[in-house]
């Protein structure tokens, strides 16, 4: 006795959907792991930028040039705005 073609196709589709569900689950897990790595990379980048600005402040502040003060204020403002946008409005990032 042979199966009806519709039943056979339905069984094949069900098997295909199960395989795809397993595959998509694995892909989502990898994407979540990559998301965590990106957070770490971004945090290291921000900390590095703040560290460089702090070192510049330590070694260049005694000269107190106008250009330096303007650059320092711009850098600190951009870092603060970046952090505010990133943590307060994560939907837009």
Protein backbone atom coordinates (compact mmCIF):
# COMPACT_ATOMS: atom_id res chain seq x y z
CA UNK A 1 0.00 0.00 0.00
CA UNK A 2 1.49 3.38 -1.00
CA UNK A 3 1.04 6.72 0.74
CA UNK A 4 -1.03 9.47 -0.69
CA UNK A 5 1.15 12.15 -2.33
CA UNK A 6 -0.29 14.89 -0.10
CA UNK A 7 0.57 12.97 3.07
CA UNK A 8 4.09 12.28 1.83
CA UNK A 9 4.67 15.96 1.03
CA UNK A 10 3.29 16.98 4.42
CA UNK A 11 5.63 14.57 6.21
CA UNK A 12 8.61 15.90 4.24
CA UNK A 13 7.62 19.48 5.10
CA UNK A 14 7.33 18.60 8.79
CA UNK A 15 10.78 16.99 8.76
CA UNK A 16 12.21 20.03 6.95
CA UNK A 17 10.65 22.42 9.47
CA UNK A 18 12.15 20.45 12.38
CA UNK A 19 15.62 20.60 10.80
CA UNK A 20 15.27 24.32 10.14
CA UNK A 21 14.14 24.96 13.71
CA UNK A 22 17.27 23.24 15.03
CA UNK A 23 19.45 25.18 12.59
CA UNK A 24 17.87 28.54 13.47
CA UNK A 25 18.25 27.83 17.17
CA UNK A 26 21.99 27.26 16.65
CA UNK A 27 22.29 30.43 14.57
CA UNK A 28 20.50 32.48 17.25
CA UNK A 29 22.80 31.12 19.94
CA UNK A 30 25.85 32.12 17.87
CA UNK A 31 24.40 35.60 17.30
CA UNK A 32 23.82 36.05 21.04
CA UNK A 33 27.43 35.07 21.72
CA UNK A 34 28.61 37.55 19.09
CA UNK A 35 26.43 40.25 20.63
CA UNK A 36 28.15 39.72 23.99
CA UNK A 37 31.57 39.94 22.32
CA UNK A 38 30.58 43.17 20.58
CA UNK A 39 29.53 44.65 23.94
CA UNK A 40 32.95 43.76 25.36
CA UNK A 41 34.77 45.25 22.35
CA UNK A 42 32.76 48.45 22.59
CA UNK A 43 33.37 48.71 26.33
CA UNK A 44 37.10 48.25 25.80
CA UNK A 45 37.03 50.92 23.10
CA UNK A 46 35.24 53.39 25.38
CA UNK A 47 37.54 52.65 28.31
CA UNK A 48 40.57 53.03 26.04
CA UNK A 49 39.33 56.39 24.77
CA UNK A 50 38.67 57.63 28.28
CA UNK A 51 42.12 56.38 29.35
CA UNK A 52 43.86 58.19 26.50
CA UNK A 53 41.98 61.40 27.26
CA UNK A 54 42.89 61.03 30.94
CA UNK A 55 46.57 60.55 30.07
CA UNK A 56 46.47 63.60 27.83
CA UNK A 57 44.89 65.54 30.69
CA UNK A 58 47.66 64.46 33.04
CA UNK A 59 50.56 65.34 30.73
CA UNK A 60 49.21 68.26 28.67
CA UNK A 61 47.03 70.13 31.17
CA UNK A 62 49.95 72.12 32.60
CA UNK A 63 50.22 73.97 29.26
CA UNK A 64 46.44 74.67 29.27
CA UNK A 65 46.28 75.76 25.65
CA UNK A 66 42.92 76.95 24.37
CA UNK A 67 42.91 74.40 21.55
CA UNK A 68 43.60 71.58 23.99
CA UNK A 69 40.80 72.67 26.31
CA UNK A 70 38.35 72.83 23.39
CA UNK A 71 39.38 69.37 22.17
CA UNK A 72 39.19 67.91 25.66
CA UNK A 73 35.69 69.29 26.22
CA UNK A 74 34.57 68.01 22.81
CA UNK A 75 35.93 64.50 23.48
CA UNK A 76 34.40 64.24 26.95
CA UNK A 77 31.06 65.56 25.68
CA UNK A 78 31.01 63.08 22.80
CA UNK A 79 31.83 60.20 25.16
CA UNK A 80 29.07 61.19 27.58
CA UNK A 81 26.54 61.60 24.76
CA UNK A 82 27.54 58.23 23.32
CA UNK A 83 27.06 56.53 26.68
CA UNK A 84 23.70 58.23 27.23
CA UNK A 85 22.42 57.22 23.82
CA UNK A 86 23.76 53.70 24.14
CA UNK A 87 22.34 52.96 27.57
CA UNK A 88 19.19 55.09 27.59
CA UNK A 89 18.04 54.40 24.04
CA UNK A 90 19.29 50.91 23.08
CA UNK A 91 16.54 50.60 20.47
CA UNK A 92 18.29 53.10 18.19
CA UNK A 93 21.73 51.47 18.41
